[in-house]
Every structure is written in C-alpha cells, then in structure tokens.
C-alpha cells in the first residue's frame, strides 16, 4: 500500500488530473449512459443496471437479471467485462490524484489509496454480476447476496472517499482564506 501511495503521489499533477477528469467524464457521461440506454432498448422496457442500485436487496438483483431478457443480459455481460474493467481504474486514479493533491505533506497522505479499495470492491461486485448474468436462467441467491455485499461496500467506500475530498477542499479553502 505504501508503494501504491508513493506512486500515486508521484503522478499527481495538474496534467494527469485534467486527463483523468476527461476520462471520467467520457466514461460516466458518454460510455455508461450509452450502455444504460442500450440495455433498456434491448430489454424493451425501462430498467436499471445492477451497478447503479443502492441498498441491499438480493431479490431485486435477481429480478433485474430475469427482466433484462437474453439480448440485454448478453450486452450487459460484455459491458461488465470491458467498460466496467477500465472505469474503476479511471475513477480510482482520479480520486487518488485528488486526494494526493489535497493531503500531500499531511498526516493523511496515505489516504490516496482508499479509491483503490473501492476499485477492488467494484471488481468483486462485477464478478458476481457477470456470474448472475451468465448463469441465467439458473439463479443463485447466494451469489446475489455476495453481489449486494460488495456493491454496498463499494458505495460506502466511495462515500468515504468523497467525504475525504470534501473535507480536504474545505481545509484548503479555509487555509487559503486565513493566509490572505
């Protein structure tokens, strides 16, 4: 973890920050929005994606898998095995760079690795989503529960990351305001 933290710190600069903001926007506004629309179109009904649901509801996840239909399930599986492999890397580095820039030379300078915990949880969630999509019509409540656990932990860890970012920004603003 210390090596990862040092690596992120060494790459945290305005140029990389702007690059990863652009990549993040490309994925979240462009690629993911297209994928969500495509899943709805293939399912022929308004339906969400498992990755974006909140809370803990294994039965809802199983119902979503069943309601996608064959075409949407196959497409969603492809998205999970391509787009959702790269996207967590993008957001982990973006948030890691932001945290590095906010907390450099402070006691919490290691906090920049926290987004990579979210990345690992996201990957664990994705593995379970792929299993559920691929094994349909066989449904496993146990896999759905594990998927929901990893999804919930992913959202909690991302929430913590956002809180550290907000705290860091407020601290910087306060420090800057007091130095004027």
N, C-alpha and C. Protein backbone atom coordinates (compact mmCIF):
# COMPACT_ATOMS: atom_id res chain seq x y z
N UNK A 1 0.81 -1.19 0.00
CA UNK A 1 0.00 0.00 0.00
C UNK A 1 0.86 1.27 0.00
N UNK A 2 1.97 1.21 0.70
CA UNK A 2 2.85 2.37 0.76
C UNK A 2 3.42 2.66 -0.63
N UNK A 3 3.81 1.61 -1.36
CA UNK A 3 4.33 1.80 -2.72
C UNK A 3 3.27 2.39 -3.64
N UNK A 4 2.04 1.92 -3.52
CA UNK A 4 0.95 2.46 -4.33
C UNK A 4 0.72 3.93 -3.99
N UNK A 5 0.72 4.25 -2.71
CA UNK A 5 0.54 5.63 -2.29
C UNK A 5 1.65 6.53 -2.85
N UNK A 6 2.89 6.06 -2.77
CA UNK A 6 4.01 6.85 -3.31
C UNK A 6 3.89 7.01 -4.82
N UNK A 7 3.47 5.94 -5.51
CA UNK A 7 3.30 6.01 -6.97
C UNK A 7 2.24 7.04 -7.33
N UNK A 8 1.09 6.99 -6.65
CA UNK A 8 0.01 7.95 -6.93
C UNK A 8 0.50 9.37 -6.65
N UNK A 9 1.19 9.55 -5.53
CA UNK A 9 1.74 10.88 -5.19
C UNK A 9 2.69 11.36 -6.28
N UNK A 10 3.49 10.46 -6.82
CA UNK A 10 4.48 10.86 -7.84
C UNK A 10 3.81 11.26 -9.17
N UNK A 11 2.62 10.74 -9.41
CA UNK A 11 1.91 11.02 -10.67
C UNK A 11 0.83 12.10 -10.51
N UNK A 12 0.59 12.53 -9.28
CA UNK A 12 -0.46 13.51 -9.01
C UNK A 12 0.02 14.90 -9.40
N UNK A 13 -0.46 15.37 -10.54
CA UNK A 13 -0.17 16.72 -11.00
C UNK A 13 -1.37 17.22 -11.81
N UNK A 14 -1.34 18.50 -12.15
CA UNK A 14 -2.49 19.10 -12.85
C UNK A 14 -2.75 18.44 -14.21
N UNK A 15 -1.69 18.10 -14.92
CA UNK A 15 -1.84 17.48 -16.23
C UNK A 15 -2.58 16.14 -16.13
N UNK A 16 -2.13 15.28 -15.22
CA UNK A 16 -2.79 13.98 -15.04
C UNK A 16 -4.20 14.14 -14.47
N UNK A 17 -4.38 15.12 -13.59
CA UNK A 17 -5.70 15.38 -13.04
C UNK A 17 -6.68 15.74 -14.15
N UNK A 18 -6.28 16.64 -15.04
CA UNK A 18 -7.15 17.04 -16.16
C UNK A 18 -7.41 15.86 -17.09
N UNK A 19 -6.38 15.07 -17.37
CA UNK A 19 -6.55 13.88 -18.21
C UNK A 19 -7.59 12.93 -17.61
N UNK A 20 -7.48 12.66 -16.32
CA UNK A 20 -8.40 11.71 -15.69
C UNK A 20 -9.79 12.30 -15.46
N UNK A 21 -9.89 13.61 -15.31
CA UNK A 21 -11.23 14.23 -15.28
C UNK A 21 -11.90 14.01 -16.63
N UNK A 22 -11.15 14.21 -17.71
CA UNK A 22 -11.68 13.98 -19.05
C UNK A 22 -12.10 12.53 -19.26
N UNK A 23 -11.26 11.60 -18.85
CA UNK A 23 -11.59 10.18 -18.98
C UNK A 23 -12.81 9.81 -18.14
N UNK A 24 -12.87 10.36 -16.93
CA UNK A 24 -14.01 10.09 -16.05
C UNK A 24 -15.30 10.58 -16.69
N UNK A 25 -15.27 11.79 -17.23
CA UNK A 25 -16.47 12.33 -17.89
C UNK A 25 -16.84 11.52 -19.12
N UNK A 26 -15.84 11.10 -19.89
CA UNK A 26 -16.09 10.26 -21.06
C UNK A 26 -16.82 8.98 -20.65
N UNK A 27 -16.34 8.35 -19.60
CA UNK A 27 -16.96 7.10 -19.15
C UNK A 27 -18.33 7.34 -18.52
N UNK A 28 -18.41 8.26 -17.56
CA UNK A 28 -19.66 8.41 -16.81
C UNK A 28 -20.76 9.07 -17.62
N UNK A 29 -20.43 10.04 -18.44
CA UNK A 29 -21.45 10.75 -19.21
C UNK A 29 -21.65 10.11 -20.59
N UNK A 30 -20.59 9.64 -21.19
CA UNK A 30 -20.70 9.09 -22.53
C UNK A 30 -20.94 7.60 -22.58
N UNK A 31 -19.95 6.84 -22.22
CA UNK A 31 -19.98 5.38 -22.40
C UNK A 31 -21.04 4.73 -21.52
N UNK A 32 -21.07 5.07 -20.22
CA UNK A 32 -22.05 4.45 -19.33
C UNK A 32 -23.47 4.83 -19.69
N UNK A 33 -23.70 6.08 -20.07
CA UNK A 33 -25.06 6.49 -20.45
C UNK A 33 -25.52 5.74 -21.70
N UNK A 34 -24.60 5.56 -22.65
CA UNK A 34 -24.93 4.79 -23.85
C UNK A 34 -25.25 3.34 -23.48
N UNK A 35 -24.44 2.76 -22.61
CA UNK A 35 -24.66 1.37 -22.21
C UNK A 35 -26.00 1.20 -21.50
N UNK A 36 -26.35 2.14 -20.62
CA UNK A 36 -27.63 2.08 -19.91
C UNK A 36 -28.79 2.17 -20.90
N UNK A 37 -28.69 3.09 -21.87
CA UNK A 37 -29.75 3.22 -22.89
C UNK A 37 -29.85 1.95 -23.71
N UNK A 38 -28.72 1.37 -24.07
CA UNK A 38 -28.70 0.15 -24.88
C UNK A 38 -29.34 -1.02 -24.12
N UNK A 39 -29.05 -1.13 -22.84
CA UNK A 39 -29.66 -2.20 -22.03
C UNK A 39 -31.17 -2.02 -21.98
N UNK A 40 -31.64 -0.79 -21.77
CA UNK A 40 -33.09 -0.52 -21.75
C UNK A 40 -33.72 -0.86 -23.09
N UNK A 41 -33.04 -0.49 -24.17
CA UNK A 41 -33.56 -0.76 -25.50
C UNK A 41 -33.61 -2.27 -25.77
N UNK A 42 -32.55 -2.97 -25.43
CA UNK A 42 -32.52 -4.43 -25.65
C UNK A 42 -33.52 -5.16 -24.76
N UNK A 43 -33.73 -4.65 -23.56
CA UNK A 43 -34.71 -5.25 -22.64
C UNK A 43 -36.13 -4.88 -23.05
N UNK A 44 -36.25 -3.85 -23.88
CA UNK A 44 -37.54 -3.35 -24.37
C UNK A 44 -38.43 -2.87 -23.22
N UNK A 45 -37.78 -2.30 -22.20
CA UNK A 45 -38.51 -1.75 -21.06
C UNK A 45 -37.57 -0.87 -20.25
N UNK A 46 -38.12 0.07 -19.51
CA UNK A 46 -37.26 0.88 -18.64
C UNK A 46 -36.74 0.03 -17.49
N UNK A 47 -35.44 -0.15 -17.47
CA UNK A 47 -34.82 -1.00 -16.45
C UNK A 47 -33.44 -0.44 -16.11
N UNK A 48 -33.08 -0.52 -14.86
CA UNK A 48 -31.78 -0.02 -14.43
C UNK A 48 -30.71 -1.08 -14.51
N UNK A 49 -29.51 -0.67 -14.14
CA UNK A 49 -28.39 -1.62 -14.09
C UNK A 49 -28.05 -1.89 -12.63
N UNK A 50 -27.59 -3.08 -12.38
CA UNK A 50 -27.31 -3.53 -11.02
C UNK A 50 -26.25 -2.64 -10.37
N UNK A 51 -25.21 -2.29 -11.12
CA UNK A 51 -24.11 -1.48 -10.59
C UNK A 51 -24.58 -0.18 -9.93
N UNK A 52 -25.65 0.39 -10.46
CA UNK A 52 -26.08 1.72 -10.02
C UNK A 52 -27.17 1.68 -8.95
N UNK A 53 -27.58 0.49 -8.52
CA UNK A 53 -28.60 0.42 -7.48
C UNK A 53 -27.95 0.61 -6.11
N UNK A 54 -28.74 1.12 -5.18
CA UNK A 54 -28.26 1.37 -3.82
C UNK A 54 -29.03 0.48 -2.85
N UNK A 55 -28.45 0.29 -1.69
CA UNK A 55 -29.11 -0.52 -0.69
C UNK A 55 -28.69 -1.97 -0.78
N UNK A 56 -29.44 -2.80 -0.08
CA UNK A 56 -29.13 -4.24 -0.04
C UNK A 56 -30.42 -4.99 -0.34
N UNK A 57 -30.54 -5.51 -1.57
CA UNK A 57 -31.75 -6.21 -1.97
C UNK A 57 -31.40 -7.30 -2.99
N UNK A 58 -30.97 -8.48 -2.52
CA UNK A 58 -30.60 -9.55 -3.44
C UNK A 58 -31.73 -9.96 -4.38
N UNK A 59 -32.96 -9.96 -3.88
CA UNK A 59 -34.09 -10.36 -4.73
C UNK A 59 -34.29 -9.37 -5.87
N UNK A 60 -34.08 -8.09 -5.60
CA UNK A 60 -34.18 -7.08 -6.67
C UNK A 60 -33.13 -7.35 -7.75
N UNK A 61 -31.93 -7.70 -7.33
CA UNK A 61 -30.87 -8.02 -8.29
C UNK A 61 -31.25 -9.22 -9.14
N UNK A 62 -31.77 -10.27 -8.52
CA UNK A 62 -32.21 -11.44 -9.27
C UNK A 62 -33.36 -11.09 -10.23
N UNK A 63 -34.27 -10.23 -9.78
CA UNK A 63 -35.37 -9.79 -10.64
C UNK A 63 -34.86 -8.99 -11.83
N UNK A 64 -33.88 -8.12 -11.60
CA UNK A 64 -33.30 -7.36 -12.70
C UNK A 64 -32.69 -8.30 -13.74
N UNK A 65 -31.92 -9.27 -13.28
CA UNK A 65 -31.30 -10.23 -14.19
C UNK A 65 -32.37 -10.94 -15.02
N UNK A 66 -33.43 -11.36 -14.38
CA UNK A 66 -34.50 -12.06 -15.09
C UNK A 66 -35.22 -11.15 -16.08
N UNK A 67 -35.37 -9.89 -15.72
CA UNK A 67 -36.14 -8.95 -16.56
C UNK A 67 -35.35 -8.36 -17.73
N UNK A 68 -34.05 -8.54 -17.75
CA UNK A 68 -33.27 -7.98 -18.86
C UNK A 68 -33.62 -8.64 -20.19
N UNK A 69 -33.84 -9.93 -20.18
CA UNK A 69 -34.00 -10.66 -21.43
C UNK A 69 -32.64 -11.07 -21.95
N UNK A 70 -32.63 -12.01 -22.88
CA UNK A 70 -31.38 -12.60 -23.37
C UNK A 70 -30.43 -11.57 -23.97
N UNK A 71 -30.95 -10.70 -24.84
CA UNK A 71 -30.08 -9.73 -25.53
C UNK A 71 -29.46 -8.72 -24.56
N UNK A 72 -30.27 -8.19 -23.67
CA UNK A 72 -29.76 -7.21 -22.70
C UNK A 72 -28.78 -7.86 -21.73
N UNK A 73 -29.07 -9.10 -21.32
CA UNK A 73 -28.14 -9.81 -20.43
C UNK A 73 -26.79 -10.01 -21.11
N UNK A 74 -26.81 -10.43 -22.37
CA UNK A 74 -25.55 -10.66 -23.10
C UNK A 74 -24.78 -9.35 -23.27
N UNK A 75 -25.49 -8.28 -23.60
CA UNK A 75 -24.84 -6.98 -23.77
C UNK A 75 -24.27 -6.48 -22.43
N UNK A 76 -25.06 -6.58 -21.37
CA UNK A 76 -24.62 -6.13 -20.06
C UNK A 76 -23.38 -6.91 -19.62
N UNK A 77 -23.36 -8.19 -19.89
CA UNK A 77 -22.18 -9.01 -19.56
C UNK A 77 -20.95 -8.49 -20.29
N UNK A 78 -21.10 -8.14 -21.57
CA UNK A 78 -19.98 -7.58 -22.35
C UNK A 78 -19.51 -6.27 -21.73
N UNK A 79 -20.45 -5.43 -21.33
CA UNK A 79 -20.10 -4.15 -20.71
C UNK A 79 -19.33 -4.38 -19.42
N UNK A 80 -19.79 -5.33 -18.62
CA UNK A 80 -19.11 -5.63 -17.35
C UNK A 80 -17.68 -6.12 -17.58
N UNK A 81 -17.48 -6.86 -18.67
CA UNK A 81 -16.16 -7.44 -18.95
C UNK A 81 -15.26 -6.52 -19.76
N UNK A 82 -15.73 -5.34 -20.11
CA UNK A 82 -14.90 -4.40 -20.87
C UNK A 82 -14.92 -3.02 -20.21
N UNK A 83 -16.01 -2.30 -20.39
CA UNK A 83 -16.13 -0.94 -19.85
C UNK A 83 -15.92 -0.93 -18.34
N UNK A 84 -16.56 -1.86 -17.64
CA UNK A 84 -16.50 -1.84 -16.18
C UNK A 84 -15.25 -2.50 -15.63
N UNK A 85 -14.32 -2.81 -16.51
CA UNK A 85 -12.97 -3.19 -16.07
C UNK A 85 -12.10 -1.93 -16.06
N UNK A 86 -12.31 -1.06 -17.05
CA UNK A 86 -11.50 0.15 -17.19
C UNK A 86 -12.01 1.28 -16.29
N UNK A 87 -13.33 1.45 -16.22
CA UNK A 87 -13.92 2.57 -15.47
C UNK A 87 -13.43 2.65 -14.02
N UNK A 88 -13.38 1.55 -13.25
CA UNK A 88 -12.88 1.67 -11.88
C UNK A 88 -11.41 2.12 -11.81
N UNK A 89 -10.63 1.76 -12.80
CA UNK A 89 -9.24 2.23 -12.85
C UNK A 89 -9.22 3.74 -13.02
N UNK A 90 -10.08 4.23 -13.90
CA UNK A 90 -10.16 5.68 -14.16
C UNK A 90 -10.56 6.42 -12.89
N UNK A 91 -11.67 6.00 -12.24
CA UNK A 91 -12.10 6.76 -11.07
C UNK A 91 -11.13 6.58 -9.89
N UNK A 92 -10.49 5.42 -9.78
CA UNK A 92 -9.54 5.22 -8.68
C UNK A 92 -8.34 6.17 -8.81
N UNK A 93 -7.81 6.29 -10.03
CA UNK A 93 -6.69 7.22 -10.22
C UNK A 93 -7.14 8.67 -10.08
N UNK A 94 -8.31 9.01 -10.63
CA UNK A 94 -8.80 10.39 -10.49
C UNK A 94 -8.92 10.76 -9.02
N UNK A 95 -9.65 9.94 -8.26
CA UNK A 95 -9.84 10.25 -6.84
C UNK A 95 -8.52 10.15 -6.07
N UNK A 96 -7.66 9.21 -6.46
CA UNK A 96 -6.34 9.10 -5.82
C UNK A 96 -5.50 10.35 -6.04
N UNK A 97 -5.54 10.88 -7.28
CA UNK A 97 -4.80 12.11 -7.58
C UNK A 97 -5.36 13.29 -6.78
N UNK A 98 -6.68 13.40 -6.74
CA UNK A 98 -7.30 14.50 -5.98
C UNK A 98 -6.89 14.41 -4.51
N UNK A 99 -6.98 13.22 -3.95
CA UNK A 99 -6.60 13.06 -2.54
C UNK A 99 -5.11 13.34 -2.33
N UNK A 100 -4.26 12.93 -3.26
CA UNK A 100 -2.83 13.21 -3.15
C UNK A 100 -2.57 14.71 -3.13
N UNK A 101 -3.23 15.42 -4.03
CA UNK A 101 -3.04 16.87 -4.11
C UNK A 101 -3.58 17.58 -2.88
N UNK A 102 -4.65 17.07 -2.31
CA UNK A 102 -5.25 17.70 -1.13
C UNK A 102 -4.49 17.38 0.16
N UNK A 103 -3.94 16.18 0.26
CA UNK A 103 -3.34 15.73 1.52
C UNK A 103 -1.83 15.54 1.46
N UNK A 104 -1.19 16.02 0.41
CA UNK A 104 0.27 15.89 0.30
C UNK A 104 0.92 16.60 1.48
N UNK A 105 1.92 15.96 2.05
CA UNK A 105 2.67 16.50 3.20
C UNK A 105 1.79 16.71 4.43
N UNK A 106 0.77 15.89 4.56
CA UNK A 106 -0.10 15.93 5.74
C UNK A 106 -0.13 14.53 6.34
N UNK A 107 -0.60 14.43 7.58
CA UNK A 107 -0.64 13.11 8.23
C UNK A 107 -1.47 12.06 7.45
N UNK A 108 -2.45 12.49 6.68
CA UNK A 108 -3.30 11.55 5.95
C UNK A 108 -2.84 11.36 4.50
N UNK A 109 -1.56 11.54 4.21
CA UNK A 109 -1.11 11.46 2.81
C UNK A 109 -1.29 10.07 2.20
N UNK A 110 -1.49 9.03 2.99
CA UNK A 110 -1.72 7.67 2.51
C UNK A 110 -3.17 7.45 2.06
N UNK A 111 -4.03 8.40 2.35
CA UNK A 111 -5.46 8.25 2.07
C UNK A 111 -5.74 8.10 0.57
N UNK A 112 -4.75 8.43 -0.26
CA UNK A 112 -4.91 8.34 -1.72
C UNK A 112 -5.08 6.91 -2.21
N UNK A 113 -4.86 5.91 -1.36
CA UNK A 113 -5.07 4.51 -1.79
C UNK A 113 -6.51 4.05 -1.55
N UNK A 114 -7.28 4.80 -0.79
CA UNK A 114 -8.65 4.40 -0.50
C UNK A 114 -9.50 4.16 -1.76
N UNK A 115 -9.37 4.99 -2.82
CA UNK A 115 -10.14 4.70 -4.03
C UNK A 115 -9.81 3.34 -4.65
N UNK A 116 -8.64 2.82 -4.38
CA UNK A 116 -8.27 1.51 -4.92
C UNK A 116 -8.93 0.37 -4.14
N UNK A 117 -9.32 0.65 -2.90
CA UNK A 117 -10.16 -0.29 -2.16
C UNK A 117 -11.53 -0.35 -2.84
N UNK A 118 -12.05 0.83 -3.21
CA UNK A 118 -13.32 0.89 -3.94
C UNK A 118 -13.22 0.13 -5.26
N UNK A 119 -12.10 0.28 -5.95
CA UNK A 119 -11.86 -0.44 -7.21
C UNK A 119 -11.95 -1.95 -6.99
N UNK A 120 -11.29 -2.46 -5.97
CA UNK A 120 -11.31 -3.90 -5.69
C UNK A 120 -12.72 -4.38 -5.35
N UNK A 121 -13.45 -3.59 -4.58
CA UNK A 121 -14.83 -3.94 -4.25
C UNK A 121 -15.71 -3.91 -5.50
N UNK A 122 -15.47 -2.93 -6.37
CA UNK A 122 -16.21 -2.83 -7.63
C UNK A 122 -15.95 -4.08 -8.49
N UNK A 123 -14.69 -4.50 -8.57
CA UNK A 123 -14.36 -5.71 -9.33
C UNK A 123 -15.04 -6.94 -8.74
N UNK A 124 -15.08 -7.04 -7.42
CA UNK A 124 -15.75 -8.18 -6.79
C UNK A 124 -17.24 -8.16 -7.11
N UNK A 125 -17.84 -6.98 -7.07
CA UNK A 125 -19.25 -6.84 -7.45
C UNK A 125 -19.44 -7.27 -8.91
N UNK A 126 -18.57 -6.78 -9.79
CA UNK A 126 -18.70 -7.08 -11.22
C UNK A 126 -18.59 -8.57 -11.51
N UNK A 127 -17.70 -9.25 -10.82
CA UNK A 127 -17.55 -10.70 -10.99
C UNK A 127 -18.88 -11.39 -10.68
N UNK A 128 -19.52 -10.96 -9.60
CA UNK A 128 -20.79 -11.58 -9.21
C UNK A 128 -21.92 -11.21 -10.18
N UNK A 129 -21.89 -10.00 -10.71
CA UNK A 129 -22.89 -9.61 -11.71
C UNK A 129 -22.72 -10.49 -12.95
N UNK A 130 -21.49 -10.67 -13.40
CA UNK A 130 -21.23 -11.50 -14.58
C UNK A 130 -21.69 -12.93 -14.34
N UNK A 131 -21.42 -13.46 -13.17
CA UNK A 131 -21.88 -14.83 -12.85
C UNK A 131 -23.40 -14.91 -12.94
N UNK A 132 -24.08 -13.92 -12.36
CA UNK A 132 -25.55 -13.92 -12.39
C UNK A 132 -26.08 -13.81 -13.83
N UNK A 133 -25.48 -12.93 -14.62
CA UNK A 133 -25.92 -12.74 -16.00
C UNK A 133 -25.65 -13.98 -16.85
N UNK A 134 -24.46 -14.54 -16.67
CA UNK A 134 -24.02 -15.66 -17.50
C UNK A 134 -24.75 -16.97 -17.16
N UNK A 135 -25.07 -17.16 -15.89
CA UNK A 135 -25.66 -18.43 -15.48
C UNK A 135 -27.18 -18.47 -15.60
N UNK A 136 -27.80 -17.33 -15.96
CA UNK A 136 -29.25 -17.31 -16.10
C UNK A 136 -29.68 -18.31 -17.16
N UNK A 137 -30.71 -19.10 -16.98
CA UNK A 137 -31.83 -18.94 -16.04
C UNK A 137 -31.58 -19.50 -14.64
N UNK A 138 -30.45 -20.17 -14.44
CA UNK A 138 -30.13 -20.62 -13.09
C UNK A 138 -29.83 -19.37 -12.26
N UNK A 139 -30.49 -19.25 -11.12
CA UNK A 139 -30.27 -18.11 -10.25
C UNK A 139 -29.78 -18.58 -8.89
N UNK A 140 -28.77 -17.90 -8.40
CA UNK A 140 -28.20 -18.23 -7.09
C UNK A 140 -28.42 -17.06 -6.13
N UNK A 141 -29.21 -17.32 -5.11
CA UNK A 141 -29.44 -16.30 -4.11
C UNK A 141 -28.14 -15.95 -3.39
N UNK A 142 -27.29 -16.94 -3.18
CA UNK A 142 -26.00 -16.72 -2.52
C UNK A 142 -25.14 -15.76 -3.33
N UNK A 143 -25.07 -15.96 -4.64
CA UNK A 143 -24.28 -15.05 -5.49
C UNK A 143 -24.89 -13.66 -5.46
N UNK A 144 -26.22 -13.58 -5.46
CA UNK A 144 -26.90 -12.27 -5.40
C UNK A 144 -26.58 -11.57 -4.08
N UNK A 145 -26.55 -12.31 -2.98
CA UNK A 145 -26.21 -11.73 -1.67
C UNK A 145 -24.77 -11.21 -1.69
N UNK A 146 -23.84 -12.02 -2.21
CA UNK A 146 -22.44 -11.58 -2.29
C UNK A 146 -22.31 -10.34 -3.17
N UNK A 147 -23.03 -10.33 -4.29
CA UNK A 147 -23.02 -9.17 -5.18
C UNK A 147 -23.49 -7.93 -4.42
N UNK A 148 -24.56 -8.07 -3.68
CA UNK A 148 -25.10 -6.94 -2.91
C UNK A 148 -24.15 -6.48 -1.82
N UNK A 149 -23.47 -7.41 -1.17
CA UNK A 149 -22.50 -7.05 -0.12
C UNK A 149 -21.36 -6.23 -0.74
N UNK A 150 -20.80 -6.73 -1.85
CA UNK A 150 -19.70 -5.99 -2.48
C UNK A 150 -20.16 -4.64 -3.03
N UNK A 151 -21.37 -4.61 -3.57
CA UNK A 151 -21.92 -3.34 -4.09
C UNK A 151 -22.10 -2.33 -2.95
N UNK A 152 -22.66 -2.78 -1.84
CA UNK A 152 -22.87 -1.90 -0.70
C UNK A 152 -21.54 -1.39 -0.15
N UNK A 153 -20.56 -2.30 -0.02
CA UNK A 153 -19.23 -1.88 0.46
C UNK A 153 -18.56 -0.92 -0.52
N UNK A 154 -18.76 -1.15 -1.83
CA UNK A 154 -18.21 -0.23 -2.84
C UNK A 154 -18.78 1.17 -2.63
N UNK A 155 -20.12 1.27 -2.49
CA UNK A 155 -20.75 2.58 -2.33
C UNK A 155 -20.32 3.24 -1.02
N UNK A 156 -20.19 2.47 0.04
CA UNK A 156 -19.73 3.04 1.32
C UNK A 156 -18.31 3.57 1.18
N UNK A 157 -17.43 2.78 0.56
CA UNK A 157 -16.04 3.23 0.41
C UNK A 157 -15.95 4.46 -0.49
N UNK A 158 -16.76 4.50 -1.55
CA UNK A 158 -16.77 5.69 -2.41
C UNK A 158 -17.31 6.91 -1.67
N UNK A 159 -18.30 6.68 -0.81
CA UNK A 159 -18.83 7.77 0.02
C UNK A 159 -17.76 8.33 0.95
N UNK A 160 -16.97 7.45 1.52
CA UNK A 160 -15.87 7.87 2.40
C UNK A 160 -14.85 8.67 1.60
N UNK A 161 -14.53 8.21 0.39
CA UNK A 161 -13.59 8.93 -0.48
C UNK A 161 -14.11 10.35 -0.74
N UNK A 162 -15.38 10.46 -1.09
CA UNK A 162 -15.98 11.77 -1.37
C UNK A 162 -15.92 12.66 -0.12
N UNK A 163 -16.19 12.09 1.04
CA UNK A 163 -16.11 12.87 2.28
C UNK A 163 -14.69 13.39 2.53
N UNK A 164 -13.69 12.55 2.30
CA UNK A 164 -12.30 13.00 2.45
C UNK A 164 -11.96 14.09 1.44
N UNK A 165 -12.49 13.97 0.22
CA UNK A 165 -12.25 15.00 -0.80
C UNK A 165 -12.90 16.31 -0.37
N UNK A 166 -14.15 16.25 0.07
CA UNK A 166 -14.84 17.47 0.51
C UNK A 166 -14.13 18.10 1.72
N UNK A 167 -13.73 17.28 2.67
CA UNK A 167 -13.01 17.78 3.84
C UNK A 167 -11.70 18.45 3.40
N UNK A 168 -10.97 17.80 2.51
CA UNK A 168 -9.71 18.35 2.02
C UNK A 168 -9.89 19.68 1.30
N UNK A 169 -10.95 19.76 0.47
CA UNK A 169 -11.24 21.03 -0.22
C UNK A 169 -11.57 22.13 0.79
N UNK A 170 -12.43 21.81 1.75
CA UNK A 170 -12.80 22.80 2.76
C UNK A 170 -11.59 23.25 3.57
N UNK A 171 -10.72 22.31 3.90
CA UNK A 171 -9.50 22.63 4.64
C UNK A 171 -8.60 23.56 3.81
N UNK A 172 -8.47 23.24 2.51
CA UNK A 172 -7.65 24.09 1.62
C UNK A 172 -8.23 25.49 1.50
N UNK A 173 -9.55 25.57 1.33
CA UNK A 173 -10.22 26.88 1.22
C UNK A 173 -10.02 27.67 2.49
N UNK A 174 -10.17 27.03 3.64
CA UNK A 174 -10.01 27.69 4.93
C UNK A 174 -8.56 28.15 5.12
N UNK A 175 -7.60 27.31 4.74
CA UNK A 175 -6.19 27.66 4.87
C UNK A 175 -5.87 28.84 3.96
N UNK A 176 -6.39 28.78 2.72
CA UNK A 176 -6.15 29.87 1.76
C UNK A 176 -6.78 31.17 2.26
N UNK A 177 -8.01 31.08 2.78
CA UNK A 177 -8.72 32.27 3.27
C UNK A 177 -7.98 32.89 4.45
N UNK A 178 -7.44 32.07 5.32
CA UNK A 178 -6.72 32.57 6.51
C UNK A 178 -5.34 33.15 6.15
N UNK A 179 -4.80 32.76 4.99
CA UNK A 179 -3.49 33.29 4.61
C UNK A 179 -3.58 34.61 3.86
N UNK A 180 -4.80 35.04 3.56
CA UNK A 180 -4.98 36.32 2.83
C UNK A 180 -4.98 37.48 3.77
